[in-house]
């Protein structure tokens, strides 16, 4: 029982310390996806403007 409680305590502390970093990484990836989509849309629009 004591070993299980120690393991859960260590896991909880690890998650508590890692949570801000994981949240920041997810936020950065979401922004990168939005930038990539905006660039692709802009490039597609520019191609159609050249043709027209």
Protein backbone atom coordinates (compact mmCIF):
# COMPACT_ATOMS: atom_id res chain seq x y z
CA UNK A 1 0.00 0.00 0.00
CA UNK A 2 2.78 2.41 0.90
CA UNK A 3 4.58 1.74 -2.40
CA UNK A 4 1.44 2.42 -4.42
CA UNK A 5 0.84 5.68 -2.54
CA UNK A 6 4.45 6.77 -3.16
CA UNK A 7 4.11 5.96 -6.85
CA UNK A 8 0.89 7.96 -7.14
CA UNK A 9 2.48 10.89 -5.31
CA UNK A 10 5.46 10.95 -7.68
CA UNK A 11 3.15 10.68 -10.68
CA UNK A 12 0.98 13.53 -9.41
CA UNK A 13 3.99 15.80 -8.83
CA UNK A 14 5.37 14.96 -12.27
CA UNK A 15 2.05 15.80 -13.93
CA UNK A 16 1.78 18.98 -11.91
CA UNK A 17 5.20 20.11 -13.12
CA UNK A 18 4.77 18.93 -16.71
CA UNK A 19 1.27 20.34 -17.29
CA UNK A 20 2.28 23.94 -18.19
CA UNK A 21 4.89 22.71 -20.63
CA UNK A 22 2.48 20.29 -22.30
CA UNK A 23 -0.17 23.01 -22.52
CA UNK A 24 2.33 25.42 -24.11
CA UNK A 25 3.42 22.81 -26.63
CA UNK A 26 -0.18 22.12 -27.63
CA UNK A 27 -0.81 25.87 -27.96
CA UNK A 28 2.26 26.33 -30.19
CA UNK A 29 1.25 23.42 -32.41
CA UNK A 30 -2.26 24.86 -32.83
CA UNK A 31 -0.84 28.25 -33.83
CA UNK A 32 1.58 26.57 -36.26
CA UNK A 33 -1.34 24.74 -37.90
CA UNK A 34 -3.26 28.01 -38.24
CA UNK A 35 -0.26 29.76 -39.80
CA UNK A 36 0.28 26.86 -42.21
CA UNK A 37 -3.39 26.92 -43.25
CA UNK A 38 -3.33 30.69 -43.77
CA UNK A 39 -0.19 30.47 -45.91
CA UNK A 40 -1.69 27.67 -48.00
CA UNK A 41 -4.89 29.65 -48.54
CA UNK A 42 -2.90 32.75 -49.47
CA UNK A 43 -0.77 30.77 -51.91
CA UNK A 44 -3.84 29.21 -53.50
CA UNK A 45 -5.49 32.63 -53.82
CA UNK A 46 -2.34 34.04 -55.42
CA UNK A 47 -2.28 31.22 -57.97
CA UNK A 48 -5.88 31.92 -58.97
CA UNK A 49 -5.18 35.65 -59.24
CA UNK A 50 -2.26 34.98 -61.61
CA UNK A 51 -4.44 32.82 -63.85
CA UNK A 52 -7.34 35.27 -63.99
